[in-house]
Amino acid sequence: MPDLLDELASHLLWRIGRASEDGPVTVRVGLASSAPLCNELRRLRSATDAEVGAALRDSSLRVEWVGPRPRPSER
C-alpha cells in the first residue's frame, strides 16, 4: 500500500489555507491535470501549523476535491 500511495502522490496537487480570515482551514486536493481549475478558485490565505493542528483536533478541517472525480476503473 505505501508504494501505491507514493505513486498516487506524484499525480496530486494540494493547497492548504483559509479562503477568508474567519473561514475554516481548507485543503484543496485534485489531480495535477486539474491545476488550471485550482488556479481559478479563490486564493487560500496561509494557515499556520498550529491552525491546521487545531482544525484536525476539533474536526473542522474542510477538504475540497478540485476537478472531475476519477472513475472507479481509473483508481
N, C-alpha and C. Protein backbone atom coordinates (compact mmCIF):
# COMPACT_ATOMS: atom_id res chain seq x y z
N MET A 1 0.80 -1.19 0.00
CA MET A 1 0.00 0.00 0.00
C MET A 1 0.85 1.27 0.00
N PRO A 2 1.95 1.36 0.76
CA PRO A 2 2.76 2.58 0.72
C PRO A 2 3.26 2.91 -0.69
N ASP A 3 3.60 1.90 -1.49
CA ASP A 3 4.05 2.16 -2.85
C ASP A 3 2.94 2.79 -3.69
N LEU A 4 1.73 2.31 -3.51
CA LEU A 4 0.58 2.85 -4.23
C LEU A 4 0.34 4.31 -3.83
N LEU A 5 0.46 4.61 -2.54
CA LEU A 5 0.28 5.99 -2.08
C LEU A 5 1.37 6.90 -2.62
N ASP A 6 2.61 6.42 -2.65
CA ASP A 6 3.70 7.21 -3.23
C ASP A 6 3.46 7.49 -4.70
N GLU A 7 2.98 6.50 -5.43
CA GLU A 7 2.70 6.68 -6.85
C GLU A 7 1.57 7.69 -7.06
N LEU A 8 0.53 7.58 -6.26
CA LEU A 8 -0.60 8.49 -6.36
C LEU A 8 -0.19 9.92 -6.01
N ALA A 9 0.62 10.08 -5.00
CA ALA A 9 1.03 11.41 -4.55
C ALA A 9 1.72 12.21 -5.65
N SER A 10 2.41 11.55 -6.54
CA SER A 10 3.10 12.27 -7.61
C SER A 10 2.14 12.81 -8.66
N HIS A 11 0.86 12.42 -8.59
CA HIS A 11 -0.15 12.87 -9.55
C HIS A 11 -1.14 13.86 -8.94
N LEU A 12 -0.91 14.25 -7.68
CA LEU A 12 -1.84 15.13 -6.98
C LEU A 12 -1.24 16.51 -6.75
N LEU A 13 -2.13 17.49 -6.62
CA LEU A 13 -1.71 18.80 -6.14
C LEU A 13 -2.62 19.14 -4.97
N TRP A 14 -2.12 19.95 -4.08
CA TRP A 14 -2.93 20.36 -2.94
C TRP A 14 -2.51 21.74 -2.48
N ARG A 15 -3.47 22.42 -1.88
CA ARG A 15 -3.26 23.73 -1.28
C ARG A 15 -3.92 23.69 0.09
N ILE A 16 -3.29 24.32 1.07
CA ILE A 16 -3.83 24.36 2.42
C ILE A 16 -3.87 25.82 2.86
N GLY A 17 -5.00 26.24 3.41
CA GLY A 17 -5.13 27.62 3.89
C GLY A 17 -6.56 27.95 4.24
N ARG A 18 -6.86 29.25 4.24
CA ARG A 18 -8.20 29.74 4.55
C ARG A 18 -8.66 30.64 3.41
N ALA A 19 -9.93 30.50 3.02
CA ALA A 19 -10.48 31.36 1.98
C ALA A 19 -10.75 32.77 2.52
N SER A 20 -10.96 32.88 3.83
CA SER A 20 -11.16 34.18 4.48
C SER A 20 -10.55 34.12 5.87
N GLU A 21 -10.40 35.27 6.47
CA GLU A 21 -9.76 35.35 7.79
C GLU A 21 -10.45 34.46 8.82
N ASP A 22 -11.78 34.43 8.80
CA ASP A 22 -12.51 33.65 9.79
C ASP A 22 -13.08 32.35 9.23
N GLY A 23 -12.69 31.99 8.01
CA GLY A 23 -13.17 30.75 7.39
C GLY A 23 -12.43 29.54 7.92
N PRO A 24 -12.95 28.36 7.61
CA PRO A 24 -12.30 27.13 8.08
C PRO A 24 -10.97 26.87 7.36
N VAL A 25 -10.08 26.16 8.02
CA VAL A 25 -8.87 25.71 7.35
C VAL A 25 -9.32 24.72 6.27
N THR A 26 -8.84 24.94 5.06
CA THR A 26 -9.30 24.18 3.91
C THR A 26 -8.13 23.51 3.21
N VAL A 27 -8.32 22.26 2.82
CA VAL A 27 -7.35 21.55 1.99
C VAL A 27 -8.02 21.34 0.65
N ARG A 28 -7.44 21.87 -0.40
CA ARG A 28 -7.92 21.62 -1.76
C ARG A 28 -6.98 20.61 -2.38
N VAL A 29 -7.55 19.54 -2.90
CA VAL A 29 -6.75 18.48 -3.50
C VAL A 29 -7.38 18.05 -4.81
N GLY A 30 -6.55 17.68 -5.76
CA GLY A 30 -7.05 17.20 -7.04
C GLY A 30 -5.89 16.62 -7.84
N LEU A 31 -6.24 16.10 -8.99
CA LEU A 31 -5.20 15.58 -9.88
C LEU A 31 -4.40 16.74 -10.45
N ALA A 32 -3.14 16.51 -10.71
CA ALA A 32 -2.28 17.56 -11.26
C ALA A 32 -2.86 18.14 -12.54
N SER A 33 -3.59 17.34 -13.30
CA SER A 33 -4.19 17.82 -14.54
C SER A 33 -5.28 18.87 -14.27
N SER A 34 -5.71 19.01 -13.02
CA SER A 34 -6.73 20.00 -12.66
C SER A 34 -6.13 21.31 -12.17
N ALA A 35 -4.84 21.50 -12.34
CA ALA A 35 -4.18 22.72 -11.87
C ALA A 35 -4.85 23.99 -12.41
N PRO A 36 -5.23 24.05 -13.70
CA PRO A 36 -5.90 25.26 -14.18
C PRO A 36 -7.20 25.56 -13.42
N LEU A 37 -7.96 24.53 -13.07
CA LEU A 37 -9.18 24.75 -12.29
C LEU A 37 -8.86 25.26 -10.89
N CYS A 38 -7.84 24.73 -10.30
CA CYS A 38 -7.43 25.16 -8.96
C CYS A 38 -7.01 26.64 -8.98
N ASN A 39 -6.36 27.05 -10.04
CA ASN A 39 -5.91 28.43 -10.15
C ASN A 39 -7.07 29.40 -10.33
N GLU A 40 -8.23 28.92 -10.79
CA GLU A 40 -9.40 29.77 -10.97
C GLU A 40 -10.16 30.00 -9.66
N LEU A 41 -9.93 29.16 -8.68
CA LEU A 41 -10.63 29.28 -7.40
C LEU A 41 -10.06 30.43 -6.59
N ARG A 42 -10.88 30.90 -5.66
CA ARG A 42 -10.43 31.96 -4.75
C ARG A 42 -9.16 31.51 -4.04
N ARG A 43 -8.20 32.39 -3.99
CA ARG A 43 -6.91 32.06 -3.39
C ARG A 43 -7.05 31.79 -1.89
N LEU A 44 -6.35 30.77 -1.41
CA LEU A 44 -6.34 30.46 0.01
C LEU A 44 -5.24 31.26 0.69
N ARG A 45 -5.57 31.85 1.82
CA ARG A 45 -4.57 32.54 2.64
C ARG A 45 -3.85 31.50 3.48
N SER A 46 -2.62 31.74 3.78
CA SER A 46 -1.82 30.77 4.55
C SER A 46 -2.47 30.46 5.90
N ALA A 47 -2.33 29.22 6.30
CA ALA A 47 -2.74 28.78 7.64
C ALA A 47 -1.48 28.26 8.33
N THR A 48 -1.32 28.59 9.59
CA THR A 48 -0.16 28.14 10.33
C THR A 48 -0.29 26.67 10.69
N ASP A 49 0.83 26.06 11.06
CA ASP A 49 0.80 24.67 11.50
C ASP A 49 -0.12 24.51 12.71
N ALA A 50 -0.12 25.50 13.60
CA ALA A 50 -0.98 25.44 14.79
C ALA A 50 -2.45 25.47 14.38
N GLU A 51 -2.81 26.30 13.38
CA GLU A 51 -4.20 26.36 12.91
C GLU A 51 -4.62 25.04 12.27
N VAL A 52 -3.73 24.45 11.50
CA VAL A 52 -4.04 23.16 10.87
C VAL A 52 -4.21 22.10 11.95
N GLY A 53 -3.33 22.09 12.92
CA GLY A 53 -3.43 21.13 14.03
C GLY A 53 -4.73 21.29 14.81
N ALA A 54 -5.11 22.54 15.08
CA ALA A 54 -6.36 22.79 15.81
C ALA A 54 -7.56 22.34 14.99
N ALA A 55 -7.55 22.57 13.68
CA ALA A 55 -8.65 22.15 12.81
C ALA A 55 -8.77 20.63 12.79
N LEU A 56 -7.64 19.94 12.82
CA LEU A 56 -7.67 18.47 12.87
C LEU A 56 -8.25 17.99 14.20
N ARG A 57 -7.81 18.61 15.28
CA ARG A 57 -8.28 18.19 16.61
C ARG A 57 -9.77 18.41 16.79
N ASP A 58 -10.29 19.54 16.29
CA ASP A 58 -11.73 19.81 16.50
C ASP A 58 -12.60 19.44 15.30
N SER A 59 -12.02 18.69 14.38
CA SER A 59 -12.74 18.16 13.20
C SER A 59 -13.40 19.25 12.35
N SER A 60 -12.74 20.40 12.25
CA SER A 60 -13.30 21.48 11.44
C SER A 60 -12.55 21.65 10.11
N LEU A 61 -11.60 20.78 9.83
CA LEU A 61 -10.85 20.85 8.59
C LEU A 61 -11.78 20.57 7.42
N ARG A 62 -11.74 21.43 6.42
CA ARG A 62 -12.60 21.27 5.24
C ARG A 62 -11.73 20.74 4.10
N VAL A 63 -12.21 19.72 3.40
CA VAL A 63 -11.48 19.15 2.27
C VAL A 63 -12.33 19.35 1.02
N GLU A 64 -11.71 19.93 -0.02
CA GLU A 64 -12.39 20.16 -1.29
C GLU A 64 -11.64 19.43 -2.39
N TRP A 65 -12.35 18.64 -3.17
CA TRP A 65 -11.76 18.00 -4.35
C TRP A 65 -11.90 18.97 -5.51
N VAL A 66 -10.83 19.19 -6.25
CA VAL A 66 -10.84 20.10 -7.40
C VAL A 66 -10.76 19.27 -8.68
N GLY A 67 -11.72 19.48 -9.56
CA GLY A 67 -11.70 18.78 -10.84
C GLY A 67 -12.62 17.58 -10.85
N PRO A 68 -12.65 16.88 -11.98
CA PRO A 68 -13.50 15.70 -12.08
C PRO A 68 -12.99 14.58 -11.18
N ARG A 69 -13.93 13.85 -10.63
CA ARG A 69 -13.53 12.71 -9.79
C ARG A 69 -13.12 11.55 -10.68
N PRO A 70 -12.05 10.85 -10.31
CA PRO A 70 -11.64 9.69 -11.11
C PRO A 70 -12.73 8.62 -11.10
N ARG A 71 -12.90 7.97 -12.21
CA ARG A 71 -13.85 6.84 -12.29
C ARG A 71 -13.24 5.65 -11.56
N PRO A 72 -14.09 4.77 -11.04
CA PRO A 72 -13.56 3.59 -10.33
C PRO A 72 -12.53 2.80 -11.15
N SER A 73 -12.70 2.75 -12.46
CA SER A 73 -11.75 1.99 -13.28
C SER A 73 -10.39 2.68 -13.38
N GLU A 74 -10.31 3.97 -13.02
CA GLU A 74 -9.05 4.72 -13.07
C GLU A 74 -8.32 4.70 -11.75
N ARG A 75 -8.94 4.19 -10.70
CA ARG A 75 -8.32 4.22 -9.37
C ARG A 75 -7.29 3.16 -9.21
